[in-house]
């Protein structure tokens, strides 16, 4: 397919050539969507991932990374030429999906995998439409190539694997709170009542601060709309971005955001990631706040970002007990 349109994903980790009459939509760093000349539906999802698994690479088999654990699916190929796999899955009685995957080894640690996925209604009419573009999709899949240089996608995969190996310890820093935090991190002397400070011994300038508070409420708790406004105000007061607001059980909310703090000239700019959890119960407000701090000029930005995701899950999954009313 020499007259098509090129698509590079994953900072150059994978390159594809699409037919010239396909329409590209929502192109992001590691994923994109494409539609066909006859309309806006169905939509072909295209993505690339890098998987860090040196043991599987040494064995020369991407295995479940390609077939998702379905041992009945066998990929064609080998480490030298790469692998390919195509299959159809029924998601439920009303929807089907067709999957095409190409995989290749990169270095001694990584598989790079490109997936093309086309979901459609499980009807004869929809299948006829899909059958009309299958040959083109298969040609795109067959033409996938992978870059020769390491990319941020590979470094992120390596960092995710390293972060996932961090041993977490379920701890109760004060009554009513249970949270899983890195077991090897050092408890700082500043730790006090309802304050926990941990330092990462292998990452200079990296620490995690957890604080809690509980107070009486004389007024009616704010509703969800008011809480969204309040949390946006908190983020704005910190001059923070990447705002994410979630709700949990009734009366429970969490805000996460981050910023670069340049007020520490001796240490250089610092990346600060914040989490604020609020639990409203009759007559009470319980809060759990956390800050993850590390140098903006870190030598391991991908690893720090992966650790931030570990800590975000820890804050999301932390158990905050409902206080006993007076």
C-alpha atoms as a PDB file:
ATOM      1  CA  UNK A   1       0.000   0.000   0.000  1.00  0.00           C
ATOM      2  CA  UNK A   2       2.260   2.757  -1.317  1.00  0.00           C
ATOM      3  CA  UNK A   3      -0.323   5.493  -1.923  1.00  0.00           C
ATOM      4  CA  UNK A   4      -1.807   5.536   1.568  1.00  0.00           C
ATOM      5  CA  UNK A   5      -1.514   7.860   4.539  1.00  0.00           C
ATOM      6  CA  UNK A   6       1.170   7.186   7.151  1.00  0.00           C
ATOM      7  CA  UNK A   7       0.385   6.860  10.861  1.00  0.00           C
ATOM      8  CA  UNK A   8       3.107   6.739  13.523  1.00  0.00           C
ATOM      9  CA  UNK A   9       2.158   5.779  17.083  1.00  0.00           C
ATOM     10  CA  UNK A  10       4.006   5.488  20.374  1.00  0.00           C
ATOM     11  CA  UNK A  11       6.633   8.137  19.578  1.00  0.00           C
ATOM     12  CA  UNK A  12       7.649   6.108  16.547  1.00  0.00           C
ATOM     13  CA  UNK A  13       7.375   2.689  18.188  1.00  0.00           C
ATOM     14  CA  UNK A  14       5.072   1.572  15.356  1.00  0.00           C
ATOM     15  CA  UNK A  15       4.278   2.788  11.856  1.00  0.00           C
ATOM     16  CA  UNK A  16       1.239   1.950   9.745  1.00  0.00           C
ATOM     17  CA  UNK A  17       0.002   2.959   6.321  1.00  0.00           C
ATOM     18  CA  UNK A  18      -3.749   3.461   5.979  1.00  0.00           C
ATOM     19  CA  UNK A  19      -5.716   3.713   2.722  1.00  0.00           C
ATOM     20  CA  UNK A  20      -5.863   7.275   1.494  1.00  0.00           C
ATOM     21  CA  UNK A  21      -9.660   7.415   1.672  1.00  0.00           C
ATOM     22  CA  UNK A  22      -9.873   6.408   5.355  1.00  0.00           C
ATOM     23  CA  UNK A  23     -10.504   9.254   7.791  1.00  0.00           C
ATOM     24  CA  UNK A  24      -8.257   9.482  10.834  1.00  0.00           C
ATOM     25  CA  UNK A  25      -9.925  10.662  14.038  1.00  0.00           C
ATOM     26  CA  UNK A  26      -8.806  11.303  17.605  1.00  0.00           C
ATOM     27  CA  UNK A  27      -5.119  10.665  16.982  1.00  0.00           C
ATOM     28  CA  UNK A  28      -3.244  10.457  20.282  1.00  0.00           C
ATOM     29  CA  UNK A  29       0.296   9.420  21.099  1.00  0.00           C
ATOM     30  CA  UNK A  30      -0.347   5.679  21.312  1.00  0.00           C
ATOM     31  CA  UNK A  31      -3.804   5.286  19.768  1.00  0.00           C
ATOM     32  CA  UNK A  32      -6.046   6.533  17.005  1.00  0.00           C
ATOM     33  CA  UNK A  33      -9.402   5.874  15.378  1.00  0.00           C
ATOM     34  CA  UNK A  34     -10.242   5.578  11.714  1.00  0.00           C
ATOM     35  CA  UNK A  35     -13.457   5.449   9.743  1.00  0.00           C
ATOM     36  CA  UNK A  36     -14.155   4.305   6.215  1.00  0.00           C
ATOM     37  CA  UNK A  37     -15.240   6.136   3.049  1.00  0.00           C
ATOM     38  CA  UNK A  38     -18.886   5.120   3.401  1.00  0.00           C
ATOM     39  CA  UNK A  39     -19.562   6.868   6.739  1.00  0.00           C
ATOM     40  CA  UNK A  40     -18.769   7.402  10.400  1.00  0.00           C
ATOM     41  CA  UNK A  41     -19.564   3.861  11.486  1.00  0.00           C
ATOM     42  CA  UNK A  42     -18.062   1.399  12.223  1.00  0.00           C
ATOM     43  CA  UNK A  43     -14.910   2.814  13.823  1.00  0.00           C
ATOM     44  CA  UNK A  44     -11.568   1.047  13.692  1.00  0.00           C
ATOM     45  CA  UNK A  45      -9.518   1.414  16.870  1.00  0.00           C
ATOM     46  CA  UNK A  46      -5.735   1.362  16.419  1.00  0.00           C
ATOM     47  CA  UNK A  47      -3.291   1.203  19.325  1.00  0.00           C
ATOM     48  CA  UNK A  48       0.263   0.257  20.242  1.00  0.00           C
ATOM     49  CA  UNK A  49       1.630  -0.915  23.575  1.00  0.00           C
ATOM     50  CA  UNK A  50       5.066  -1.821  24.787  1.00  0.00           C
ATOM     51  CA  UNK A  51       5.208  -4.722  27.243  1.00  0.00           C
ATOM     52  CA  UNK A  52       8.226  -5.125  29.500  1.00  0.00           C
ATOM     53  CA  UNK A  53       8.690  -8.837  30.215  1.00  0.00           C
ATOM     54  CA  UNK A  54      12.282 -10.069  29.802  1.00  0.00           C
ATOM     55  CA  UNK A  55      11.345 -13.633  30.796  1.00  0.00           C
ATOM     56  CA  UNK A  56       8.740 -13.918  28.032  1.00  0.00           C
ATOM     57  CA  UNK A  57      11.161 -12.324  25.556  1.00  0.00           C
ATOM     58  CA  UNK A  58      13.821 -14.876  26.514  1.00  0.00           C
ATOM     59  CA  UNK A  59      11.301 -17.662  25.893  1.00  0.00           C
ATOM     60  CA  UNK A  60      10.503 -16.140  22.505  1.00  0.00           C
ATOM     61  CA  UNK A  61       6.738 -16.174  22.945  1.00  0.00           C
ATOM     62  CA  UNK A  62       4.403 -13.179  23.518  1.00  0.00           C
ATOM     63  CA  UNK A  63       1.681 -15.616  24.555  1.00  0.00           C
ATOM     64  CA  UNK A  64      -1.163 -14.059  26.488  1.00  0.00           C
ATOM     65  CA  UNK A  65      -0.115 -10.551  25.497  1.00  0.00           C
ATOM     66  CA  UNK A  66      -1.449 -11.426  22.065  1.00  0.00           C
ATOM     67  CA  UNK A  67      -4.359 -13.726  22.797  1.00  0.00           C
ATOM     68  CA  UNK A  68      -5.430 -12.431  26.219  1.00  0.00           C
ATOM     69  CA  UNK A  69      -5.155 -15.796  27.926  1.00  0.00           C
ATOM     70  CA  UNK A  70      -7.257 -17.717  25.399  1.00  0.00           C
ATOM     71  CA  UNK A  71      -5.013 -20.733  24.823  1.00  0.00           C
ATOM     72  CA  UNK A  72      -7.133 -21.745  21.866  1.00  0.00           C
ATOM     73  CA  UNK A  73      -5.783 -18.830  19.849  1.00  0.00           C
ATOM     74  CA  UNK A  74      -2.412 -19.486  18.226  1.00  0.00           C
ATOM     75  CA  UNK A  75      -0.309 -16.646  16.829  1.00  0.00           C
ATOM     76  CA  UNK A  76       1.671 -17.232  13.656  1.00  0.00           C
ATOM     77  CA  UNK A  77       5.311 -16.200  13.575  1.00  0.00           C
ATOM     78  CA  UNK A  78       8.582 -16.299  15.457  1.00  0.00           C
ATOM     79  CA  UNK A  79      10.983 -13.928  17.267  1.00  0.00           C
ATOM     80  CA  UNK A  80      12.872 -13.071  14.084  1.00  0.00           C
ATOM     81  CA  UNK A  81       9.863 -12.259  11.911  1.00  0.00           C
ATOM     82  CA  UNK A  82       7.359 -11.181  14.555  1.00  0.00           C
ATOM     83  CA  UNK A  83       3.881 -12.556  15.172  1.00  0.00           C
ATOM     84  CA  UNK A  84       0.414 -11.986  13.794  1.00  0.00           C
ATOM     85  CA  UNK A  85      -2.993 -12.988  15.082  1.00  0.00           C
ATOM     86  CA  UNK A  86      -6.534 -12.330  13.939  1.00  0.00           C
ATOM     87  CA  UNK A  87      -9.767 -13.448  15.535  1.00  0.00           C
ATOM     88  CA  UNK A  88     -13.420 -12.660  16.066  1.00  0.00           C
ATOM     89  CA  UNK A  89     -15.042 -12.430  19.505  1.00  0.00           C
ATOM     90  CA  UNK A  90     -18.662 -12.158  20.551  1.00  0.00           C
ATOM     91  CA  UNK A  91     -18.899  -9.568  23.322  1.00  0.00           C
ATOM     92  CA  UNK A  92     -22.551 -10.336  24.054  1.00  0.00           C
ATOM     93  CA  UNK A  93     -25.627 -11.297  22.089  1.00  0.00           C
ATOM     94  CA  UNK A  94     -25.718  -7.915  20.387  1.00  0.00           C
ATOM     95  CA  UNK A  95     -22.099  -7.021  19.591  1.00  0.00           C
ATOM     96  CA  UNK A  96     -19.074  -8.612  17.966  1.00  0.00           C
ATOM     97  CA  UNK A  97     -15.492  -7.453  17.632  1.00  0.00           C
ATOM     98  CA  UNK A  98     -12.812  -8.396  15.152  1.00  0.00           C
ATOM     99  CA  UNK A  99      -9.189  -8.134  16.285  1.00  0.00           C
ATOM    100  CA  UNK A 100      -5.942  -8.051  14.316  1.00  0.00           C
ATOM    101  CA  UNK A 101      -2.624  -7.968  16.167  1.00  0.00           C
ATOM    102  CA  UNK A 102       1.001  -7.662  15.132  1.00  0.00           C
ATOM    103  CA  UNK A 103       3.840  -8.095  17.621  1.00  0.00           C
ATOM    104  CA  UNK A 104       7.622  -7.875  17.553  1.00  0.00           C
ATOM    105  CA  UNK A 105      10.480  -8.201  19.996  1.00  0.00           C
ATOM    106  CA  UNK A 106      12.337  -5.009  20.874  1.00  0.00           C
ATOM    107  CA  UNK A 107      15.679  -5.503  22.614  1.00  0.00           C
ATOM    108  CA  UNK A 108      15.939  -8.022  25.425  1.00  0.00           C
ATOM    109  CA  UNK A 109      12.968  -6.842  27.487  1.00  0.00           C
ATOM    110  CA  UNK A 110      10.083  -5.699  25.335  1.00  0.00           C
ATOM    111  CA  UNK A 111       7.299  -6.787  23.057  1.00  0.00           C
ATOM    112  CA  UNK A 112       5.644  -4.087  20.992  1.00  0.00           C
ATOM    113  CA  UNK A 113       2.092  -4.947  19.998  1.00  0.00           C
ATOM    114  CA  UNK A 114      -0.181  -3.151  17.550  1.00  0.00           C
ATOM    115  CA  UNK A 115      -3.901  -3.885  17.810  1.00  0.00           C
ATOM    116  CA  UNK A 116      -6.602  -3.052  15.287  1.00  0.00           C
ATOM    117  CA  UNK A 117     -10.108  -3.589  16.656  1.00  0.00           C
ATOM    118  CA  UNK A 118     -13.440  -3.234  14.895  1.00  0.00           C
ATOM    119  CA  UNK A 119     -16.635  -3.620  16.934  1.00  0.00           C
ATOM    120  CA  UNK A 120     -20.003  -3.878  15.257  1.00  0.00           C
ATOM    121  CA  UNK A 121     -23.546  -5.097  15.928  1.00  0.00           C
ATOM    122  CA  UNK A 122     -24.002  -8.861  15.727  1.00  0.00           C
ATOM    123  CA  UNK A 123     -26.295  -8.654  12.705  1.00  0.00           C
ATOM    124  CA  UNK A 124     -26.011  -9.952   9.165  1.00  0.00           C
ATOM    125  CA  UNK A 125     -26.269  -6.407   7.808  1.00  0.00           C
ATOM    126  CA  UNK A 126     -23.360  -5.183   9.952  1.00  0.00           C
ATOM    127  CA  UNK A 127     -21.256  -8.237   9.126  1.00  0.00           C
ATOM    128  CA  UNK A 128     -21.748  -7.534   5.428  1.00  0.00           C
ATOM    129  CA  UNK A 129     -20.447  -3.984   5.907  1.00  0.00           C
ATOM    130  CA  UNK A 130     -17.430  -5.218   7.872  1.00  0.00           C
ATOM    131  CA  UNK A 131     -16.682  -7.941   5.340  1.00  0.00           C
ATOM    132  CA  UNK A 132     -16.310  -5.184   2.762  1.00  0.00           C
ATOM    133  CA  UNK A 133     -13.348  -3.616   4.583  1.00  0.00           C
ATOM    134  CA  UNK A 134     -11.676  -6.699   6.046  1.00  0.00           C
ATOM    135  CA  UNK A 135      -9.193  -7.045   3.172  1.00  0.00           C
ATOM    136  CA  UNK A 136      -8.034  -3.446   3.605  1.00  0.00           C
ATOM    137  CA  UNK A 137      -7.694  -3.859   7.373  1.00  0.00           C
ATOM    138  CA  UNK A 138      -5.690  -7.046   6.951  1.00  0.00           C
ATOM    139  CA  UNK A 139      -3.397  -5.254   4.495  1.00  0.00           C
ATOM    140  CA  UNK A 140      -2.835  -2.492   7.064  1.00  0.00           C
ATOM    141  CA  UNK A 141      -2.068  -5.069   9.756  1.00  0.00           C
ATOM    142  CA  UNK A 142       0.325  -6.935   7.479  1.00  0.00           C
ATOM    143  CA  UNK A 143       2.168  -3.703   6.723  1.00  0.00           C
ATOM    144  CA  UNK A 144       2.836  -2.722  10.339  1.00  0.00           C
ATOM    145  CA  UNK A 145       6.486  -1.933  11.031  1.00  0.00           C
ATOM    146  CA  UNK A 146       8.254  -1.166  14.286  1.00  0.00           C
ATOM    147  CA  UNK A 147      10.869   1.481  15.008  1.00  0.00           C
ATOM    148  CA  UNK A 148      14.477   0.569  15.709  1.00  0.00           C
ATOM    149  CA  UNK A 149      15.039   3.035  18.568  1.00  0.00           C
ATOM    150  CA  UNK A 150      13.837   3.003  22.151  1.00  0.00           C
ATOM    151  CA  UNK A 151      10.911   5.334  22.741  1.00  0.00           C
ATOM    152  CA  UNK A 152       9.191   6.842  25.773  1.00  0.00           C
ATOM    153  CA  UNK A 153       6.586   4.087  25.377  1.00  0.00           C
ATOM    154  CA  UNK A 154       9.264   1.452  26.094  1.00  0.00           C
ATOM    155  CA  UNK A 155      10.668   3.415  29.028  1.00  0.00           C
ATOM    156  CA  UNK A 156       7.176   3.789  30.472  1.00  0.00           C
ATOM    157  CA  UNK A 157       6.556   0.047  30.145  1.00  0.00           C
ATOM    158  CA  UNK A 158       9.806  -0.651  31.980  1.00  0.00           C
ATOM    159  CA  UNK A 159       8.889   1.867  34.672  1.00  0.00           C
ATOM    160  CA  UNK A 160       5.411   0.345  35.084  1.00  0.00           C
ATOM    161  CA  UNK A 161       6.928  -3.094  35.599  1.00  0.00           C
ATOM    162  CA  UNK A 162       9.402  -1.727  38.133  1.00  0.00           C
ATOM    163  CA  UNK A 163       6.672   0.171  39.985  1.00  0.00           C
ATOM    164  CA  UNK A 164       4.379  -2.856  39.992  1.00  0.00           C
ATOM    165  CA  UNK A 165       7.146  -4.795  41.754  1.00  0.00           C
ATOM    166  CA  UNK A 166       7.261  -2.315  44.652  1.00  0.00           C
ATOM    167  CA  UNK A 167       6.220  -4.177  47.790  1.00  0.00           C
ATOM    168  CA  UNK A 168       3.306  -2.467  49.518  1.00  0.00           C
ATOM    169  CA  UNK A 169       2.586  -2.690  53.208  1.00  0.00           C
ATOM    170  CA  UNK A 170      -0.961  -2.339  54.518  1.00  0.00           C
ATOM    171  CA  UNK A 171      -0.598   0.150  57.336  1.00  0.00           C
ATOM    172  CA  UNK A 172      -2.872   2.001  59.751  1.00  0.00           C
ATOM    173  CA  UNK A 173      -1.219   5.387  60.251  1.00  0.00           C
ATOM    174  CA  UNK A 174      -3.955   6.393  62.705  1.00  0.00           C
ATOM    175  CA  UNK A 175      -7.274   4.875  63.786  1.00  0.00           C
ATOM    176  CA  UNK A 176      -9.894   4.757  61.064  1.00  0.00           C
ATOM    177  CA  UNK A 177      -7.506   4.757  58.089  1.00  0.00           C
ATOM    178  CA  UNK A 178      -5.854   1.797  56.348  1.00  0.00           C
ATOM    179  CA  UNK A 179      -3.699   2.301  53.255  1.00  0.00           C
ATOM    180  CA  UNK A 180      -1.131   0.302  51.257  1.00  0.00           C
ATOM    181  CA  UNK A 181       2.181   2.174  50.879  1.00  0.00           C
ATOM    182  CA  UNK A 182       5.718   1.233  49.764  1.00  0.00           C
ATOM    183  CA  UNK A 183       7.158  -0.923  52.526  1.00  0.00           C
ATOM    184  CA  UNK A 184      10.790   0.082  51.880  1.00  0.00           C
ATOM    185  CA  UNK A 185      10.190   3.818  52.145  1.00  0.00           C
ATOM    186  CA  UNK A 186      11.542   5.445  55.287  1.00  0.00           C
ATOM    187  CA  UNK A 187       9.280   6.974  57.896  1.00  0.00           C
ATOM    188  CA  UNK A 188      10.393  10.559  58.448  1.00  0.00           C
ATOM    189  CA  UNK A 189      10.808  12.018  61.952  1.00  0.00           C
ATOM    190  CA  UNK A 190       8.273  14.738  61.114  1.00  0.00           C
ATOM    191  CA  UNK A 191       5.570  12.103  61.234  1.00  0.00           C
ATOM    192  CA  UNK A 192       3.084  12.962  63.960  1.00  0.00           C
ATOM    193  CA  UNK A 193      -0.543  12.676  64.938  1.00  0.00           C
ATOM    194  CA  UNK A 194      -2.588  12.191  61.760  1.00  0.00           C
ATOM    195  CA  UNK A 195       0.522  12.970  59.696  1.00  0.00           C
ATOM    196  CA  UNK A 196       2.706  10.392  57.951  1.00  0.00           C
ATOM    197  CA  UNK A 197       5.833  11.362  55.992  1.00  0.00           C
ATOM    198  CA  UNK A 198       7.661   8.758  53.923  1.00  0.00           C
ATOM    199  CA  UNK A 199      10.893   9.223  51.978  1.00  0.00           C
ATOM    200  CA  UNK A 200      12.050   7.036  49.082  1.00  0.00           C
ATOM    201  CA  UNK A 201      15.636   6.054  49.993  1.00  0.00           C
ATOM    202  CA  UNK A 202      16.619   5.240  46.397  1.00  0.00           C
ATOM    203  CA  UNK A 203      15.102   8.396  44.873  1.00  0.00           C
ATOM    204  CA  UNK A 204      16.675  11.662  46.107  1.00  0.00           C
ATOM    205  CA  UNK A 205      14.192  14.404  46.883  1.00  0.00           C
ATOM    206  CA  UNK A 206      11.188  12.067  46.686  1.00  0.00           C
ATOM    207  CA  UNK A 207       8.648  11.893  49.510  1.00  0.00           C
ATOM    208  CA  UNK A 208       4.997  11.168  50.236  1.00  0.00           C
ATOM    209  CA  UNK A 209       3.021  13.079  52.875  1.00  0.00           C
ATOM    210  CA  UNK A 210      -0.314  11.803  54.208  1.00  0.00           C
ATOM    211  CA  UNK A 211      -2.506  13.924  56.468  1.00  0.00           C
ATOM    212  CA  UNK A 212      -5.902  13.344  58.015  1.00  0.00           C
ATOM    213  CA  UNK A 213      -8.495  15.438  59.738  1.00  0.00           C
ATOM    214  CA  UNK A 214     -11.931  15.017  61.255  1.00  0.00           C
ATOM    215  CA  UNK A 215     -14.236  17.780  62.315  1.00  0.00           C
ATOM    216  CA  UNK A 216     -17.829  18.436  63.283  1.00  0.00           C
ATOM    217  CA  UNK A 217     -20.293  19.913  60.819  1.00  0.00           C
ATOM    218  CA  UNK A 218     -23.135  22.113  61.921  1.00  0.00           C
ATOM    219  CA  UNK A 219     -24.550  22.691  58.438  1.00  0.00           C
ATOM    220  CA  UNK A 220     -25.924  20.369  55.787  1.00  0.00           C
ATOM    221  CA  UNK A 221     -23.163  18.788  53.678  1.00  0.00           C
ATOM    222  CA  UNK A 222     -22.756  20.265  50.196  1.00  0.00           C
ATOM    223  CA  UNK A 223     -24.382  18.457  47.307  1.00  0.00           C
ATOM    224  CA  UNK A 224     -22.395  16.921  44.448  1.00  0.00           C
ATOM    225  CA  UNK A 225     -22.489  20.062  42.285  1.00  0.00           C
ATOM    226  CA  UNK A 226     -21.198  22.213  45.133  1.00  0.00           C
ATOM    227  CA  UNK A 227     -18.427  19.698  45.864  1.00  0.00           C
ATOM    228  CA  UNK A 228     -17.287  19.791  42.246  1.00  0.00           C
ATOM    229  CA  UNK A 229     -17.076  23.582  42.464  1.00  0.00           C
ATOM    230  CA  UNK A 230     -15.211  23.359  45.773  1.00  0.00           C
ATOM    231  CA  UNK A 231     -12.666  20.878  44.432  1.00  0.00           C
ATOM    232  CA  UNK A 232     -12.055  22.989  41.346  1.00  0.00           C
ATOM    233  CA  UNK A 233     -11.468  25.950  43.664  1.00  0.00           C
ATOM    234  CA  UNK A 234      -8.940  23.909  45.673  1.00  0.00           C
ATOM    235  CA  UNK A 235      -7.050  22.982  42.494  1.00  0.00           C
ATOM    236  CA  UNK A 236      -7.118  26.575  41.266  1.00  0.00           C
ATOM    237  CA  UNK A 237      -5.778  27.832  44.616  1.00  0.00           C
ATOM    238  CA  UNK A 238      -2.811  25.507  44.144  1.00  0.00           C
ATOM    239  CA  UNK A 239      -2.430  26.586  40.500  1.00  0.00           C
ATOM    240  CA  UNK A 240      -2.655  22.903  39.670  1.00  0.00           C
ATOM    241  CA  UNK A 241      -3.700  21.123  36.490  1.00  0.00           C
ATOM    242  CA  UNK A 242      -4.664  17.601  35.390  1.00  0.00           C
ATOM    243  CA  UNK A 243      -7.753  17.839  37.591  1.00  0.00           C
ATOM    244  CA  UNK A 244      -9.627  14.598  38.158  1.00  0.00           C
ATOM    245  CA  UNK A 245     -12.725  14.393  40.357  1.00  0.00           C
ATOM    246  CA  UNK A 246     -14.315  11.129  41.440  1.00  0.00           C
ATOM    247  CA  UNK A 247     -17.160  10.112  43.697  1.00  0.00           C
ATOM    248  CA  UNK A 248     -17.436   6.948  45.773  1.00  0.00           C
ATOM    249  CA  UNK A 249     -19.987   5.885  48.325  1.00  0.00           C
ATOM    250  CA  UNK A 250     -22.637   8.384  49.332  1.00  0.00           C
ATOM    251  CA  UNK A 251     -21.052  11.596  50.564  1.00  0.00           C
ATOM    252  CA  UNK A 252     -17.536  10.631  49.429  1.00  0.00           C
ATOM    253  CA  UNK A 253     -15.429  12.502  46.854  1.00  0.00           C
ATOM    254  CA  UNK A 254     -11.806  12.601  45.729  1.00  0.00           C
ATOM    255  CA  UNK A 255      -9.817  15.258  43.914  1.00  0.00           C
ATOM    256  CA  UNK A 256      -6.442  14.649  42.279  1.00  0.00           C
ATOM    257  CA  UNK A 257      -4.287  17.259  40.543  1.00  0.00           C
ATOM    258  CA  UNK A 258      -0.654  18.244  40.100  1.00  0.00           C
ATOM    259  CA  UNK A 259       1.612  21.208  39.580  1.00  0.00           C
ATOM    260  CA  UNK A 260       5.235  22.266  39.203  1.00  0.00           C
ATOM    261  CA  UNK A 261       6.374  24.209  42.263  1.00  0.00           C
ATOM    262  CA  UNK A 262       9.201  26.635  41.513  1.00  0.00           C
ATOM    263  CA  UNK A 263       9.331  28.197  45.009  1.00  0.00           C
ATOM    264  CA  UNK A 264      12.325  26.094  46.095  1.00  0.00           C
ATOM    265  CA  UNK A 265      15.373  27.584  44.324  1.00  0.00           C
ATOM    266  CA  UNK A 266      17.791  25.497  46.376  1.00  0.00           C
ATOM    267  CA  UNK A 267      16.157  22.249  45.273  1.00  0.00           C
ATOM    268  CA  UNK A 268      15.018  23.311  41.828  1.00  0.00           C
ATOM    269  CA  UNK A 269      11.456  22.953  40.508  1.00  0.00           C
ATOM    270  CA  UNK A 270       9.453  20.218  42.198  1.00  0.00           C
ATOM    271  CA  UNK A 271       6.625  18.148  40.791  1.00  0.00           C
ATOM    272  CA  UNK A 272       3.784  17.914  43.309  1.00  0.00           C
ATOM    273  CA  UNK A 273       0.846  15.550  42.949  1.00  0.00           C
ATOM    274  CA  UNK A 274      -2.112  16.038  45.278  1.00  0.00           C
ATOM    275  CA  UNK A 275      -4.997  13.857  46.392  1.00  0.00           C
ATOM    276  CA  UNK A 276      -7.852  15.033  48.607  1.00  0.00           C
ATOM    277  CA  UNK A 277     -10.535  12.651  49.843  1.00  0.00           C
ATOM    278  CA  UNK A 278     -13.671  13.928  51.564  1.00  0.00           C
ATOM    279  CA  UNK A 279     -16.167  11.796  53.484  1.00  0.00           C
ATOM    280  CA  UNK A 280     -19.330  13.471  54.709  1.00  0.00           C
ATOM    281  CA  UNK A 281     -21.339  11.629  57.346  1.00  0.00           C
ATOM    282  CA  UNK A 282     -24.088  12.982  59.641  1.00  0.00           C
ATOM    283  CA  UNK A 283     -22.516  15.860  61.549  1.00  0.00           C
ATOM    284  CA  UNK A 284     -18.941  14.980  60.449  1.00  0.00           C
ATOM    285  CA  UNK A 285     -16.367  15.659  57.747  1.00  0.00           C
ATOM    286  CA  UNK A 286     -13.393  13.308  57.475  1.00  0.00           C
ATOM    287  CA  UNK A 287     -10.565  14.245  55.112  1.00  0.00           C
ATOM    288  CA  UNK A 288      -7.533  12.340  53.870  1.00  0.00           C
ATOM    289  CA  UNK A 289      -4.969  14.423  51.986  1.00  0.00           C
ATOM    290  CA  UNK A 290      -1.743  13.319  50.322  1.00  0.00           C
ATOM    291  CA  UNK A 291       1.124  14.943  48.431  1.00  0.00           C
ATOM    292  CA  UNK A 292       3.752  13.139  46.356  1.00  0.00           C
ATOM    293  CA  UNK A 293       6.817  15.323  45.758  1.00  0.00           C
ATOM    294  CA  UNK A 294       9.793  14.693  43.503  1.00  0.00           C
ATOM    295  CA  UNK A 295      12.256  16.795  41.454  1.00  0.00           C
ATOM    296  CA  UNK A 296      10.910  17.993  38.128  1.00  0.00           C
ATOM    297  CA  UNK A 297      14.411  17.369  36.713  1.00  0.00           C
ATOM    298  CA  UNK A 298      14.365  13.720  37.777  1.00  0.00           C
ATOM    299  CA  UNK A 299      16.557  11.275  35.879  1.00  0.00           C
ATOM    300  CA  UNK A 300      13.661   8.811  35.943  1.00  0.00           C
ATOM    301  CA  UNK A 301      10.514  10.734  34.976  1.00  0.00           C
ATOM    302  CA  UNK A 302       8.703   7.619  33.765  1.00  0.00           C
ATOM    303  CA  UNK A 303       9.367   5.784  37.033  1.00  0.00           C
ATOM    304  CA  UNK A 304       8.192   8.708  39.138  1.00  0.00           C
ATOM    305  CA  UNK A 305       5.023   8.910  37.017  1.00  0.00           C
ATOM    306  CA  UNK A 306       4.470   5.160  37.490  1.00  0.00           C
ATOM    307  CA  UNK A 307       4.931   5.523  41.250  1.00  0.00           C
ATOM    308  CA  UNK A 308       2.390   8.344  41.211  1.00  0.00           C
ATOM    309  CA  UNK A 309      -0.118   5.927  39.685  1.00  0.00           C
ATOM    310  CA  UNK A 310       0.670   3.369  42.402  1.00  0.00           C
ATOM    311  CA  UNK A 311       0.047   6.021  45.051  1.00  0.00           C
ATOM    312  CA  UNK A 312      -3.116   7.178  43.296  1.00  0.00           C
ATOM    313  CA  UNK A 313      -4.512   3.642  43.515  1.00  0.00           C
ATOM    314  CA  UNK A 314      -3.457   3.551  47.168  1.00  0.00           C
ATOM    315  CA  UNK A 315      -5.403   6.738  47.894  1.00  0.00           C
ATOM    316  CA  UNK A 316      -8.416   5.533  45.909  1.00  0.00           C
ATOM    317  CA  UNK A 317      -8.479   2.157  47.679  1.00  0.00           C
ATOM    318  CA  UNK A 318      -7.592   3.419  51.171  1.00  0.00           C
ATOM    319  CA  UNK A 319     -10.146   2.438  53.769  1.00  0.00           C
ATOM    320  CA  UNK A 320     -11.577   5.424  55.612  1.00  0.00           C
ATOM    321  CA  UNK A 321     -13.881   4.350  58.397  1.00  0.00           C
ATOM    322  CA  UNK A 322     -17.170   6.096  58.999  1.00  0.00           C
ATOM    323  CA  UNK A 323     -16.695   7.943  62.296  1.00  0.00           C
ATOM    324  CA  UNK A 324     -18.896   7.134  65.241  1.00  0.00           C
ATOM    325  CA  UNK A 325     -21.334   9.939  65.989  1.00  0.00           C
ATOM    326  CA  UNK A 326     -21.065  11.684  69.343  1.00  0.00           C
END
